[in-house]
Amino acid sequence: MVEASDYANAVYRFVQAHATVEHGRRVCREPLYPWLMREFDLSIHEVKGIRTAAVKELERQGLVQRPNPRSVLLILTD
């Protein structure tokens, strides 16, 4: 079974790999749902809670910001 921190680490690597620079900030606009489903063989029902928990953990660690929870936009803070 995959731990929540493992999901957060994987999501952070994905965000870093897909980040672009906009207005001097590194941002990622790639949707996490499809990638998480493929990467971890998750159903749509499983992926919703996992994505939320992973992003909240990254926010708690100060690695990303998510200005709007309904948007795919993630801002890297490093």
C-alpha atoms as a PDB file:
ATOM      1  CA  MET A   1       0.000   0.000   0.000  1.00  0.00           C
ATOM      2  CA  VAL A   2       1.264   3.460  -0.913  1.00  0.00           C
ATOM      3  CA  GLU A   3       1.654   5.965   1.932  1.00  0.00           C
ATOM      4  CA  ALA A   4       0.277   9.508   1.702  1.00  0.00           C
ATOM      5  CA  SER A   5       3.800  10.928   1.805  1.00  0.00           C
ATOM      6  CA  ASP A   6       4.732   8.750  -1.190  1.00  0.00           C
ATOM      7  CA  TYR A   7       1.844  10.258  -3.172  1.00  0.00           C
ATOM      8  CA  ALA A   8       2.914  13.767  -2.130  1.00  0.00           C
ATOM      9  CA  ASN A   9       6.522  13.098  -3.184  1.00  0.00           C
ATOM     10  CA  ALA A  10       5.403  11.698  -6.540  1.00  0.00           C
ATOM     11  CA  VAL A  11       3.045  14.631  -7.126  1.00  0.00           C
ATOM     12  CA  TYR A  12       5.840  17.085  -6.318  1.00  0.00           C
ATOM     13  CA  ARG A  13       8.161  15.410  -8.816  1.00  0.00           C
ATOM     14  CA  PHE A  14       5.386  15.529 -11.444  1.00  0.00           C
ATOM     15  CA  VAL A  15       4.722  19.224 -10.762  1.00  0.00           C
ATOM     16  CA  GLN A  16       8.434  20.052 -11.001  1.00  0.00           C
ATOM     17  CA  ALA A  17       8.776  18.118 -14.268  1.00  0.00           C
ATOM     18  CA  HIS A  18       5.793  19.888 -15.852  1.00  0.00           C
ATOM     19  CA  ALA A  19       6.378  23.392 -14.532  1.00  0.00           C
ATOM     20  CA  THR A  20       6.703  26.397 -16.796  1.00  0.00           C
ATOM     21  CA  VAL A  21       7.639  29.968 -15.942  1.00  0.00           C
ATOM     22  CA  GLU A  22       4.822  32.507 -15.983  1.00  0.00           C
ATOM     23  CA  HIS A  23       5.295  36.054 -14.752  1.00  0.00           C
ATOM     24  CA  GLY A  24       8.533  35.050 -13.039  1.00  0.00           C
ATOM     25  CA  ARG A  25       6.963  32.124 -11.131  1.00  0.00           C
ATOM     26  CA  ARG A  26       7.237  28.416 -11.778  1.00  0.00           C
ATOM     27  CA  VAL A  27       3.752  27.002 -12.231  1.00  0.00           C
ATOM     28  CA  CYS A  28       2.218  23.709 -13.251  1.00  0.00           C
ATOM     29  CA  ARG A  29      -1.085  23.605 -15.114  1.00  0.00           C
ATOM     30  CA  GLU A  30      -1.061  19.883 -15.902  1.00  0.00           C
ATOM     31  CA  PRO A  31      -4.027  18.009 -14.406  1.00  0.00           C
ATOM     32  CA  LEU A  32      -3.068  15.513 -11.732  1.00  0.00           C
ATOM     33  CA  TYR A  33      -6.095  13.177 -11.992  1.00  0.00           C
ATOM     34  CA  PRO A  34      -5.183  11.354 -15.225  1.00  0.00           C
ATOM     35  CA  TRP A  35      -1.534  10.996 -14.272  1.00  0.00           C
ATOM     36  CA  LEU A  36      -2.288   9.727 -10.741  1.00  0.00           C
ATOM     37  CA  MET A  37      -4.788   7.230 -12.128  1.00  0.00           C
ATOM     38  CA  ARG A  38      -2.231   5.840 -14.581  1.00  0.00           C
ATOM     39  CA  GLU A  39       0.798   6.032 -12.276  1.00  0.00           C
ATOM     40  CA  PHE A  40      -0.834   4.323  -9.279  1.00  0.00           C
ATOM     41  CA  ASP A  41      -3.639   2.366 -10.995  1.00  0.00           C
ATOM     42  CA  LEU A  42      -6.360   4.291  -9.144  1.00  0.00           C
ATOM     43  CA  SER A  43     -10.045   4.695  -9.871  1.00  0.00           C
ATOM     44  CA  ILE A  44     -11.591   8.155 -10.224  1.00  0.00           C
ATOM     45  CA  HIS A  45     -13.128   7.727  -6.767  1.00  0.00           C
ATOM     46  CA  GLU A  46      -9.786   6.895  -5.156  1.00  0.00           C
ATOM     47  CA  VAL A  47      -7.825   9.611  -6.925  1.00  0.00           C
ATOM     48  CA  LYS A  48      -9.954  12.528  -5.705  1.00  0.00           C
ATOM     49  CA  GLY A  49      -9.049  12.145  -2.048  1.00  0.00           C
ATOM     50  CA  ILE A  50      -5.465  11.224  -2.794  1.00  0.00           C
ATOM     51  CA  ARG A  51      -4.859  14.271  -4.957  1.00  0.00           C
ATOM     52  CA  THR A  52      -6.365  16.548  -2.320  1.00  0.00           C
ATOM     53  CA  ALA A  53      -4.313  15.004   0.477  1.00  0.00           C
ATOM     54  CA  ALA A  54      -1.085  15.132  -1.551  1.00  0.00           C
ATOM     55  CA  VAL A  55      -1.518  18.783  -2.518  1.00  0.00           C
ATOM     56  CA  LYS A  56      -2.454  19.766   1.039  1.00  0.00           C
ATOM     57  CA  GLU A  57       0.665  18.010   2.311  1.00  0.00           C
ATOM     58  CA  LEU A  58       2.819  19.887  -0.216  1.00  0.00           C
ATOM     59  CA  GLU A  59       1.173  23.154   0.830  1.00  0.00           C
ATOM     60  CA  ARG A  60       1.822  22.316   4.485  1.00  0.00           C
ATOM     61  CA  GLN A  61       5.484  21.741   3.651  1.00  0.00           C
ATOM     62  CA  GLY A  62       5.600  25.090   1.854  1.00  0.00           C
ATOM     63  CA  LEU A  63       6.513  23.544  -1.506  1.00  0.00           C
ATOM     64  CA  VAL A  64       3.465  24.624  -3.516  1.00  0.00           C
ATOM     65  CA  GLN A  65       0.576  27.033  -3.387  1.00  0.00           C
ATOM     66  CA  ARG A  66      -2.863  26.365  -4.818  1.00  0.00           C
ATOM     67  CA  PRO A  67      -4.666  29.712  -5.138  1.00  0.00           C
ATOM     68  CA  ASN A  68      -7.969  28.124  -6.187  1.00  0.00           C
ATOM     69  CA  PRO A  69      -8.877  24.569  -5.123  1.00  0.00           C
ATOM     70  CA  ARG A  70     -11.037  24.153  -8.242  1.00  0.00           C
ATOM     71  CA  SER A  71      -8.144  24.987 -10.575  1.00  0.00           C
ATOM     72  CA  VAL A  72      -5.340  22.706 -11.725  1.00  0.00           C
ATOM     73  CA  LEU A  73      -2.841  25.549 -11.205  1.00  0.00           C
ATOM     74  CA  LEU A  74      -0.090  24.843  -8.705  1.00  0.00           C
ATOM     75  CA  ILE A  75       2.600  27.411  -7.950  1.00  0.00           C
ATOM     76  CA  LEU A  76       6.003  26.117  -6.885  1.00  0.00           C
ATOM     77  CA  THR A  77       7.406  28.123  -4.009  1.00  0.00           C
ATOM     78  CA  ASP A  78      11.040  26.979  -4.228  1.00  0.00           C
END
